[in-house]
Amino acid sequence: MYVAMNRFQVRPEAATAFEQMWLKRETRLPEVPGFLSFHMLRGPQREDHILFSSYTLWASRDAFEAWTKSPQFASAHKAAASKTGSDQKSEQQPMTIGSSQFEGFEVLQVIDGK
């Protein structure tokens, strides 16, 4: 399995709009081969931002990489960039401070609850 995470530093005044954007966005992930689950996480608040992270579990790194080369991926990420202002074309102040930070992990061990 493979975990793909993106970390976002969201301006506190934009946190509600950022959450709603993610909660209401259209997704085709369940149709993608190798997709297992998606979680949107809200983390600690700092002075200038609230940390958010998207956590996606894939059957394999190959499945994740195939998704990143798909037209669906390009479409979803283009729409998200324009909404967060991270494409730097928006006249409004962006929701995020800088770009999202990607982190990818090979799963070494899984321990499930009963």
C-alpha atoms as a PDB file:
ATOM      1  CA  MET A   1       0.000   0.000   0.000  1.00  0.00           C
ATOM      2  CA  TYR A   2       0.966   3.622  -0.488  1.00  0.00           C
ATOM      3  CA  VAL A   3      -0.051   6.767   1.416  1.00  0.00           C
ATOM      4  CA  ALA A   4      -0.148  10.084  -0.440  1.00  0.00           C
ATOM      5  CA  MET A   5      -0.486  13.183   1.730  1.00  0.00           C
ATOM      6  CA  ASN A   6      -0.663  16.876   0.942  1.00  0.00           C
ATOM      7  CA  ARG A   7      -0.168  19.421   3.726  1.00  0.00           C
ATOM      8  CA  PHE A   8      -1.807  22.834   3.448  1.00  0.00           C
ATOM      9  CA  GLN A   9      -1.110  25.912   5.564  1.00  0.00           C
ATOM     10  CA  VAL A  10      -4.496  27.647   5.484  1.00  0.00           C
ATOM     11  CA  ARG A  11      -5.012  31.244   6.584  1.00  0.00           C
ATOM     12  CA  PRO A  12      -7.291  31.207   9.674  1.00  0.00           C
ATOM     13  CA  GLU A  13      -9.809  33.557   8.061  1.00  0.00           C
ATOM     14  CA  ALA A  14     -10.096  31.164   5.091  1.00  0.00           C
ATOM     15  CA  ALA A  15     -10.377  27.908   7.074  1.00  0.00           C
ATOM     16  CA  THR A  16     -14.171  27.581   6.844  1.00  0.00           C
ATOM     17  CA  ALA A  17     -14.183  28.237   3.091  1.00  0.00           C
ATOM     18  CA  PHE A  18     -11.270  25.799   2.625  1.00  0.00           C
ATOM     19  CA  GLU A  19     -13.119  23.083   4.547  1.00  0.00           C
ATOM     20  CA  GLN A  20     -16.322  23.637   2.581  1.00  0.00           C
ATOM     21  CA  MET A  21     -14.421  23.531  -0.711  1.00  0.00           C
ATOM     22  CA  TRP A  22     -13.070  20.083   0.180  1.00  0.00           C
ATOM     23  CA  LEU A  23     -16.279  18.747   1.701  1.00  0.00           C
ATOM     24  CA  LYS A  24     -18.428  19.790  -1.271  1.00  0.00           C
ATOM     25  CA  ARG A  25     -16.058  19.085  -4.150  1.00  0.00           C
ATOM     26  CA  GLU A  26     -16.899  16.493  -6.749  1.00  0.00           C
ATOM     27  CA  THR A  27     -14.615  13.473  -6.679  1.00  0.00           C
ATOM     28  CA  ARG A  28     -14.025  10.561  -9.001  1.00  0.00           C
ATOM     29  CA  LEU A  29     -11.549   8.836  -6.671  1.00  0.00           C
ATOM     30  CA  PRO A  30     -13.775   5.800  -5.953  1.00  0.00           C
ATOM     31  CA  GLU A  31     -13.705   5.026  -9.702  1.00  0.00           C
ATOM     32  CA  VAL A  32      -9.896   5.024  -9.903  1.00  0.00           C
ATOM     33  CA  PRO A  33      -8.197   1.593  -9.924  1.00  0.00           C
ATOM     34  CA  GLY A  34      -6.170   1.066  -6.755  1.00  0.00           C
ATOM     35  CA  PHE A  35      -7.869   3.811  -4.720  1.00  0.00           C
ATOM     36  CA  LEU A  36      -8.675   2.610  -1.175  1.00  0.00           C
ATOM     37  CA  SER A  37      -9.669   5.618   0.965  1.00  0.00           C
ATOM     38  CA  PHE A  38      -9.458   9.378   1.416  1.00  0.00           C
ATOM     39  CA  HIS A  39      -9.385  11.444   4.619  1.00  0.00           C
ATOM     40  CA  MET A  40      -9.301  15.233   4.966  1.00  0.00           C
ATOM     41  CA  LEU A  41      -7.620  16.189   8.234  1.00  0.00           C
ATOM     42  CA  ARG A  42      -7.661  19.409  10.239  1.00  0.00           C
ATOM     43  CA  GLY A  43      -4.606  19.905  12.432  1.00  0.00           C
ATOM     44  CA  PRO A  44      -3.313  22.431  14.918  1.00  0.00           C
ATOM     45  CA  GLN A  45      -3.744  26.166  14.611  1.00  0.00           C
ATOM     46  CA  ARG A  46      -0.639  28.325  14.596  1.00  0.00           C
ATOM     47  CA  GLU A  47      -0.414  32.095  14.718  1.00  0.00           C
ATOM     48  CA  ASP A  48      -0.611  32.545  10.941  1.00  0.00           C
ATOM     49  CA  HIS A  49      -2.233  29.309   9.699  1.00  0.00           C
ATOM     50  CA  ILE A  50      -4.205  26.149  10.409  1.00  0.00           C
ATOM     51  CA  LEU A  51      -2.610  22.948   9.187  1.00  0.00           C
ATOM     52  CA  PHE A  52      -4.756  20.697   6.983  1.00  0.00           C
ATOM     53  CA  SER A  53      -3.735  17.453   5.317  1.00  0.00           C
ATOM     54  CA  SER A  54      -5.301  15.242   2.697  1.00  0.00           C
ATOM     55  CA  TYR A  55      -4.529  11.561   3.321  1.00  0.00           C
ATOM     56  CA  THR A  56      -5.151   9.116   0.484  1.00  0.00           C
ATOM     57  CA  LEU A  57      -4.520   5.377   0.726  1.00  0.00           C
ATOM     58  CA  TRP A  58      -3.693   3.497  -2.476  1.00  0.00           C
ATOM     59  CA  ALA A  59      -3.222  -0.209  -3.181  1.00  0.00           C
ATOM     60  CA  SER A  60       0.270   0.562  -4.510  1.00  0.00           C
ATOM     61  CA  ARG A  61       2.597   3.360  -5.499  1.00  0.00           C
ATOM     62  CA  ASP A  62       1.987   2.376  -9.128  1.00  0.00           C
ATOM     63  CA  ALA A  63      -1.768   2.935  -8.669  1.00  0.00           C
ATOM     64  CA  PHE A  64      -1.104   6.374  -7.183  1.00  0.00           C
ATOM     65  CA  GLU A  65       1.299   7.316  -9.976  1.00  0.00           C
ATOM     66  CA  ALA A  66      -1.213   6.181 -12.613  1.00  0.00           C
ATOM     67  CA  TRP A  67      -3.795   8.475 -10.984  1.00  0.00           C
ATOM     68  CA  THR A  68      -1.369  11.431 -11.127  1.00  0.00           C
ATOM     69  CA  LYS A  69      -1.043  10.950 -14.902  1.00  0.00           C
ATOM     70  CA  SER A  70      -4.787  10.779 -15.532  1.00  0.00           C
ATOM     71  CA  PRO A  71      -6.981  13.523 -17.037  1.00  0.00           C
ATOM     72  CA  GLN A  72      -9.163  13.314 -13.897  1.00  0.00           C
ATOM     73  CA  PHE A  73      -6.169  14.233 -11.721  1.00  0.00           C
ATOM     74  CA  ALA A  74      -5.285  17.211 -13.926  1.00  0.00           C
ATOM     75  CA  SER A  75      -8.870  18.439 -13.890  1.00  0.00           C
ATOM     76  CA  ALA A  76      -9.311  18.055 -10.119  1.00  0.00           C
ATOM     77  CA  HIS A  77      -6.048  19.802  -9.279  1.00  0.00           C
ATOM     78  CA  LYS A  78      -6.562  22.654 -11.742  1.00  0.00           C
ATOM     79  CA  ALA A  79      -9.971  23.380 -10.177  1.00  0.00           C
ATOM     80  CA  ALA A  80      -8.544  23.193  -6.645  1.00  0.00           C
ATOM     81  CA  ALA A  81      -5.665  25.558  -7.474  1.00  0.00           C
ATOM     82  CA  SER A  82      -8.031  28.189  -8.812  1.00  0.00           C
ATOM     83  CA  LYS A  83     -10.258  27.936  -5.719  1.00  0.00           C
ATOM     84  CA  THR A  84      -7.432  28.135  -3.164  1.00  0.00           C
ATOM     85  CA  GLY A  85      -5.652  30.888  -5.045  1.00  0.00           C
ATOM     86  CA  SER A  86      -2.463  28.839  -5.187  1.00  0.00           C
ATOM     87  CA  ASP A  87      -2.382  29.313  -8.955  1.00  0.00           C
ATOM     88  CA  GLN A  88      -1.493  32.976  -8.179  1.00  0.00           C
ATOM     89  CA  LYS A  89      -4.006  34.205 -10.796  1.00  0.00           C
ATOM     90  CA  SER A  90      -6.720  34.980  -8.279  1.00  0.00           C
ATOM     91  CA  GLU A  91      -7.254  38.629  -7.358  1.00  0.00           C
ATOM     92  CA  GLN A  92      -8.351  37.618  -3.863  1.00  0.00           C
ATOM     93  CA  GLN A  93      -5.857  36.759  -1.148  1.00  0.00           C
ATOM     94  CA  PRO A  94      -5.111  33.021  -1.446  1.00  0.00           C
ATOM     95  CA  MET A  95      -6.586  30.625   1.126  1.00  0.00           C
ATOM     96  CA  THR A  96      -3.214  28.986   1.637  1.00  0.00           C
ATOM     97  CA  ILE A  97       0.242  30.223   2.520  1.00  0.00           C
ATOM     98  CA  GLY A  98       2.406  28.918  -0.290  1.00  0.00           C
ATOM     99  CA  SER A  99       1.823  25.695  -2.166  1.00  0.00           C
ATOM    100  CA  SER A 100       0.760  22.402  -0.655  1.00  0.00           C
ATOM    101  CA  GLN A 101       3.574  20.079   0.429  1.00  0.00           C
ATOM    102  CA  PHE A 102       3.386  16.507  -0.873  1.00  0.00           C
ATOM    103  CA  GLU A 103       4.606  13.546   1.179  1.00  0.00           C
ATOM    104  CA  GLY A 104       4.443   9.938  -0.044  1.00  0.00           C
ATOM    105  CA  PHE A 105       4.956   6.814   2.054  1.00  0.00           C
ATOM    106  CA  GLU A 106       5.244   3.095   1.372  1.00  0.00           C
ATOM    107  CA  VAL A 107       3.204   1.246   4.010  1.00  0.00           C
ATOM    108  CA  LEU A 108       5.444  -1.112   5.978  1.00  0.00           C
ATOM    109  CA  GLN A 109       2.969  -2.384   8.549  1.00  0.00           C
ATOM    110  CA  VAL A 110      -0.776  -2.242   9.211  1.00  0.00           C
ATOM    111  CA  ILE A 111      -2.350  -3.110  12.554  1.00  0.00           C
ATOM    112  CA  ASP A 112      -6.147  -3.058  12.493  1.00  0.00           C
ATOM    113  CA  GLY A 113      -8.506  -2.821  15.448  1.00  0.00           C
ATOM    114  CA  LYS A 114     -10.876  -5.598  16.402  1.00  0.00           C
END
